[in-house]
Amino acid sequence: MEQEYEYVVRAVRAEEWPQVRELRLAALRDPAAPVAFLDTYEDAAAKPDWFWQRRAASGSAHGLRARQFVAEGPHGVWAGSVTVLIEEAGSDDVHGGVIEQRQAHLVGVFVRPEHRGSGAADALFEAAVGWAWSLEGLDRVRLYVHEANPRAQAFYRRFGFVRSGGAVPVPGDPSSREFELVLKRP
């Protein structure tokens, strides 16, 4: 049985860009990365420092359109992360459509293998969804999950997400799909 930890979940700080970079690169080295992320380790590792600085700043507690949450485990180790993007009605969807309603979009979900099953993902999602519900006029949270990622699908279902009926082809692999899952405000 995996050990339960107490996690401190908080938004990243702009000056923590080296940790943001390290955690993202760790995520992209994970065996599940090809079905979990649209980025590759090689592309991310080649990005300059200013890219990571901007990414950390936009996801910090001062960000209004995005917030990256980290779960700090024992000794300050970053156990995992999730980013919340706020999508406005009428704006372009990342998959080529148009956003129909104001909503939150969870992306970049990752928990280090040694922290899986320990409560880190639950803590991250509670913080991310809680922040989304704190925003006025936002009644829907969504995410996409690859059809070949059953562990993630099971976690999202357990958290209350359900399939919307939408699916999109995976960029670079049109024979694979990602399902849209949604959670509506209780």
Protein backbone atom coordinates (compact mmCIF):
# COMPACT_ATOMS: atom_id res chain seq x y z
CA MET A 1 0.00 0.00 0.00
CA GLU A 2 1.27 3.47 -0.88
CA GLN A 3 1.98 5.87 1.94
CA GLU A 4 -0.37 8.79 2.55
CA TYR A 5 1.33 12.15 2.90
CA GLU A 6 0.17 15.56 3.94
CA TYR A 7 0.66 17.90 1.01
CA VAL A 8 0.81 21.65 0.93
CA VAL A 9 -0.93 22.64 -2.28
CA ARG A 10 -0.37 26.14 -3.55
CA ALA A 11 0.11 28.22 -6.68
CA VAL A 12 3.63 28.40 -8.04
CA ARG A 13 5.59 31.59 -7.56
CA ALA A 14 7.21 33.39 -10.49
CA GLU A 15 10.72 32.92 -9.09
CA GLU A 16 10.19 29.14 -8.97
CA TRP A 17 10.65 28.77 -12.71
CA PRO A 18 13.59 26.32 -12.31
CA GLN A 19 11.33 23.99 -10.29
CA VAL A 20 8.52 24.43 -12.85
CA ARG A 21 10.97 23.42 -15.58
CA GLU A 22 12.33 20.44 -13.63
CA LEU A 23 8.85 19.08 -12.84
CA ARG A 24 7.70 19.46 -16.46
CA LEU A 25 10.79 17.67 -17.73
CA ALA A 26 10.22 14.88 -15.19
CA ALA A 27 6.64 14.58 -16.46
CA LEU A 28 7.84 14.33 -20.05
CA ARG A 29 10.28 11.55 -19.10
CA ASP A 30 7.47 9.50 -17.53
CA PRO A 31 6.49 6.37 -19.50
CA ALA A 32 2.91 7.70 -19.78
CA ALA A 33 4.07 10.98 -21.37
CA PRO A 34 3.26 10.02 -24.98
CA VAL A 35 -0.44 9.62 -24.10
CA ALA A 36 -0.56 12.34 -21.44
CA PHE A 37 1.16 15.37 -22.99
CA LEU A 38 1.29 17.09 -26.36
CA ASP A 39 4.91 18.08 -25.79
CA THR A 40 8.13 16.06 -25.90
CA TYR A 41 11.04 16.03 -23.50
CA GLU A 42 13.43 17.11 -26.26
CA ASP A 43 11.34 20.14 -27.26
CA ALA A 44 10.77 21.23 -23.65
CA ALA A 45 14.42 20.76 -22.64
CA ALA A 46 15.50 22.99 -25.53
CA LYS A 47 13.30 25.92 -24.45
CA PRO A 48 15.22 28.95 -23.13
CA ASP A 49 15.05 30.20 -19.55
CA TRP A 50 12.75 33.10 -20.51
CA PHE A 51 10.12 30.59 -21.64
CA TRP A 52 10.08 28.94 -18.20
CA GLN A 53 10.17 32.31 -16.44
CA ARG A 54 7.09 33.45 -18.37
CA ARG A 55 5.33 30.13 -17.78
CA ALA A 56 5.91 30.31 -14.02
CA ALA A 57 4.82 33.96 -13.86
CA SER A 58 1.60 33.36 -15.79
CA GLY A 59 0.68 30.40 -13.56
CA SER A 60 1.52 32.13 -10.30
CA ALA A 61 -0.96 33.31 -7.69
CA HIS A 62 -1.07 36.64 -9.55
CA GLY A 63 -2.28 35.04 -12.79
CA LEU A 64 -5.90 35.74 -13.64
CA ARG A 65 -6.27 33.46 -16.67
CA ALA A 66 -4.13 30.55 -15.49
CA ARG A 67 -2.95 29.06 -12.24
CA GLN A 68 -0.45 26.24 -11.78
CA PHE A 69 -0.83 24.35 -8.53
CA VAL A 70 1.92 22.23 -7.00
CA ALA A 71 1.69 19.66 -4.23
CA GLU A 72 4.65 19.95 -1.90
CA GLY A 73 5.43 16.78 -0.05
CA PRO A 74 7.83 16.07 2.78
CA HIS A 75 10.99 18.21 2.75
CA GLY A 76 9.50 20.58 0.13
CA VAL A 77 9.65 18.05 -2.73
CA TRP A 78 7.23 18.92 -5.52
CA ALA A 79 5.18 15.74 -5.80
CA GLY A 80 3.00 16.89 -8.68
CA SER A 81 1.22 19.66 -10.47
CA VAL A 82 -1.90 20.67 -12.38
CA THR A 83 -2.58 23.86 -14.33
CA VAL A 84 -5.97 25.54 -14.65
CA LEU A 85 -6.60 27.62 -17.78
CA ILE A 86 -9.63 29.92 -17.88
CA GLU A 87 -11.35 29.79 -21.26
CA GLU A 88 -13.75 32.57 -22.20
CA ALA A 89 -16.91 32.04 -24.25
CA GLY A 90 -16.36 32.88 -27.90
CA SER A 91 -12.60 32.36 -27.79
CA ASP A 92 -10.79 29.81 -29.93
CA ASP A 93 -10.54 26.29 -28.57
CA VAL A 94 -7.11 24.62 -28.62
CA HIS A 95 -8.64 21.93 -30.86
CA GLY A 96 -9.91 24.31 -33.53
CA GLY A 97 -13.44 24.99 -32.31
CA VAL A 98 -14.99 27.87 -30.41
CA ILE A 99 -15.49 27.88 -26.64
CA GLU A 100 -19.24 27.87 -25.99
CA GLN A 101 -19.21 28.94 -22.34
CA ARG A 102 -16.80 30.33 -19.79
CA GLN A 103 -15.01 27.36 -18.25
CA ALA A 104 -11.84 26.08 -16.64
CA HIS A 105 -9.61 23.65 -18.50
CA LEU A 106 -7.25 21.43 -16.48
CA VAL A 107 -3.98 20.61 -18.24
CA GLY A 108 -0.51 19.36 -17.40
CA VAL A 109 -1.64 16.88 -14.76
CA PHE A 110 1.35 15.02 -13.34
CA VAL A 111 2.23 13.24 -10.11
CA ARG A 112 5.69 11.75 -9.69
CA PRO A 113 5.54 7.92 -9.69
CA GLU A 114 6.72 7.64 -6.09
CA HIS A 115 3.80 9.85 -4.97
CA ARG A 116 1.03 8.15 -6.96
CA GLY A 117 -1.67 6.72 -4.73
CA SER A 118 -0.57 8.91 -1.83
CA GLY A 119 -3.27 11.60 -2.03
CA ALA A 120 -1.27 14.09 -4.11
CA ALA A 121 -3.62 13.99 -7.11
CA ASP A 122 -6.67 14.39 -4.87
CA ALA A 123 -5.09 17.37 -3.12
CA LEU A 124 -4.14 18.98 -6.44
CA PHE A 125 -7.60 18.52 -7.92
CA GLU A 126 -9.34 19.82 -4.81
CA ALA A 127 -7.25 23.00 -5.02
CA ALA A 128 -7.60 23.40 -8.80
CA VAL A 129 -11.34 22.79 -8.92
CA GLY A 130 -11.86 24.85 -5.76
CA TRP A 131 -10.09 27.80 -7.39
CA ALA A 132 -12.20 27.39 -10.53
CA TRP A 133 -15.43 27.39 -8.51
CA SER A 134 -14.27 30.56 -6.71
CA LEU A 135 -14.40 32.46 -10.01
CA GLU A 136 -17.62 34.25 -10.85
CA GLY A 137 -19.61 32.92 -13.79
CA LEU A 138 -17.73 29.65 -14.08
CA ASP A 139 -19.85 26.50 -13.80
CA ARG A 140 -17.86 23.95 -15.79
CA VAL A 141 -14.40 22.40 -15.56
CA ARG A 142 -13.09 20.23 -18.36
CA LEU A 143 -10.06 18.19 -19.29
CA TYR A 144 -9.01 15.79 -22.01
CA VAL A 145 -7.71 12.28 -21.44
CA HIS A 146 -6.17 9.89 -23.97
CA GLU A 147 -8.21 6.78 -24.70
CA ALA A 148 -5.13 4.67 -23.84
CA ASN A 149 -4.67 6.18 -20.36
CA PRO A 150 -6.98 4.08 -18.15
CA ARG A 151 -5.29 5.05 -14.87
CA ALA A 152 -5.98 8.75 -15.47
CA GLN A 153 -9.52 8.01 -16.69
CA ALA A 154 -10.26 6.08 -13.50
CA PHE A 155 -8.97 8.89 -11.29
CA TYR A 156 -10.99 11.54 -13.15
CA ARG A 157 -14.17 9.45 -12.89
CA ARG A 158 -13.58 8.92 -9.18
CA PHE A 159 -13.24 12.69 -8.78
CA GLY A 160 -16.62 13.17 -10.49
CA PHE A 161 -15.71 13.96 -14.10
CA VAL A 162 -17.92 12.41 -16.77
CA ARG A 163 -17.56 12.14 -20.53
CA SER A 164 -19.21 15.01 -22.36
CA GLY A 165 -19.54 12.98 -25.55
CA GLY A 166 -16.81 15.05 -27.18
CA ALA A 167 -13.57 13.60 -28.46
CA VAL A 168 -10.71 14.99 -30.52
CA PRO A 169 -8.01 13.30 -32.57
CA VAL A 170 -4.56 13.33 -31.00
CA PRO A 171 -2.25 15.73 -32.88
CA GLY A 172 0.23 13.69 -34.88
CA ASP A 173 -1.80 10.49 -34.39
CA PRO A 174 -5.28 10.92 -35.92
CA SER A 175 -6.09 7.25 -35.25
CA SER A 176 -6.06 7.96 -31.48
CA ARG A 177 -8.56 10.05 -29.55
CA GLU A 178 -8.73 12.11 -26.42
CA PHE A 179 -12.06 12.19 -24.60
CA GLU A 180 -13.40 15.40 -23.13
CA LEU A 181 -14.46 14.95 -19.52
CA VAL A 182 -16.43 17.57 -17.60
CA LEU A 183 -17.31 18.42 -14.06
CA LYS A 184 -20.21 20.77 -13.39
CA ARG A 185 -20.58 23.00 -10.38
CA PRO A 186 -22.44 21.14 -7.63
